[in-house]
Amino acid sequence: MDPFSLGYLAAGLGAGLCVLGAALGIGRLAGAALEGSARQPEAAGDIRTTMIIAAALIEGATFFGLIVCILMAIK
């Protein structure tokens, strides 16, 4: 097998795992935020703000992982 094709395979698998992990993390985050808002409706604004900040951090880490995978495929 060509060594270059293994790099593409690794990059593809890595990108898939990054996106899957981010989707699971944001899904769990949103579920917990909705449950917290249902239990404490008066704190819904604070919970939503915290959820958006945490989701942005997850997205940033995912973007970093995808960039690493792209660089692995290019090199």
Protein backbone atom coordinates (compact mmCIF):
# COMPACT_ATOMS: atom_id res chain seq x y z
CA MET A 1 0.00 0.00 0.00
CA ASP A 2 1.23 3.48 -0.85
CA PRO A 3 2.35 5.43 2.25
CA PHE A 4 0.55 8.53 0.99
CA SER A 5 -2.79 6.76 0.96
CA LEU A 6 -2.31 5.81 4.62
CA GLY A 7 -1.88 9.50 5.44
CA TYR A 8 -5.14 10.30 3.69
CA LEU A 9 -6.87 7.44 5.51
CA ALA A 10 -5.54 8.63 8.88
CA ALA A 11 -6.56 12.21 8.13
CA GLY A 12 -10.05 11.12 7.13
CA LEU A 13 -10.50 8.97 10.22
CA GLY A 14 -9.13 11.72 12.45
CA ALA A 15 -11.46 14.32 10.95
CA GLY A 16 -14.42 12.00 11.36
CA LEU A 17 -13.57 11.34 14.99
CA CYS A 18 -13.16 15.08 15.64
CA VAL A 19 -16.56 15.89 14.22
CA LEU A 20 -18.23 12.93 15.94
CA GLY A 21 -16.75 13.88 19.30
CA ALA A 22 -17.83 17.49 18.91
CA ALA A 23 -21.36 16.47 17.94
CA LEU A 24 -21.65 14.19 20.96
CA GLY A 25 -20.23 16.84 23.28
CA ILE A 26 -22.51 19.61 22.07
CA GLY A 27 -25.49 17.25 22.17
CA ARG A 28 -24.82 16.36 25.79
CA LEU A 29 -24.21 20.02 26.60
CA ALA A 30 -27.50 21.11 25.05
CA GLY A 31 -29.41 18.31 26.78
CA ALA A 32 -28.01 19.27 30.16
CA ALA A 33 -28.75 22.95 29.52
CA LEU A 34 -32.35 22.20 28.57
CA GLU A 35 -32.79 20.05 31.65
CA GLY A 36 -31.32 22.80 33.83
CA SER A 37 -33.60 25.38 32.25
CA ALA A 38 -36.61 23.16 32.86
CA ARG A 39 -35.68 22.78 36.53
CA GLN A 40 -34.82 26.46 37.07
CA PRO A 41 -36.67 28.61 34.51
CA GLU A 42 -35.46 31.83 36.13
CA ALA A 43 -31.84 30.86 35.43
CA ALA A 44 -32.45 30.07 31.74
CA GLY A 45 -30.57 33.16 30.50
CA ASP A 46 -27.43 32.37 32.48
CA ILE A 47 -27.59 28.71 31.48
CA ARG A 48 -27.97 29.64 27.81
CA THR A 49 -25.00 32.02 27.94
CA THR A 50 -22.81 29.40 29.58
CA MET A 51 -23.94 26.78 27.07
CA ILE A 52 -23.08 29.02 24.10
CA ILE A 53 -19.61 29.75 25.50
CA ALA A 54 -18.94 26.05 26.11
CA ALA A 55 -20.22 25.13 22.63
CA ALA A 56 -17.90 27.73 21.10
CA LEU A 57 -14.94 26.22 22.95
CA ILE A 58 -15.89 22.75 21.69
CA GLU A 59 -16.17 24.11 18.15
CA GLY A 60 -12.75 25.74 18.46
CA ALA A 61 -11.13 22.50 19.59
CA THR A 62 -12.85 20.69 16.72
CA PHE A 63 -11.60 23.26 14.23
CA PHE A 64 -8.05 22.81 15.56
CA GLY A 65 -8.36 19.02 15.17
CA LEU A 66 -9.64 19.38 11.61
CA ILE A 67 -6.74 21.68 10.72
CA VAL A 68 -4.30 19.10 12.09
CA CYS A 69 -5.98 16.43 9.96
CA ILE A 70 -5.77 18.61 6.84
CA LEU A 71 -2.10 19.27 7.49
CA MET A 72 -1.53 15.53 7.95
CA ALA A 73 -3.20 14.85 4.59
CA ILE A 74 -1.18 17.55 2.80
CA LYS A 75 2.18 16.52 4.20
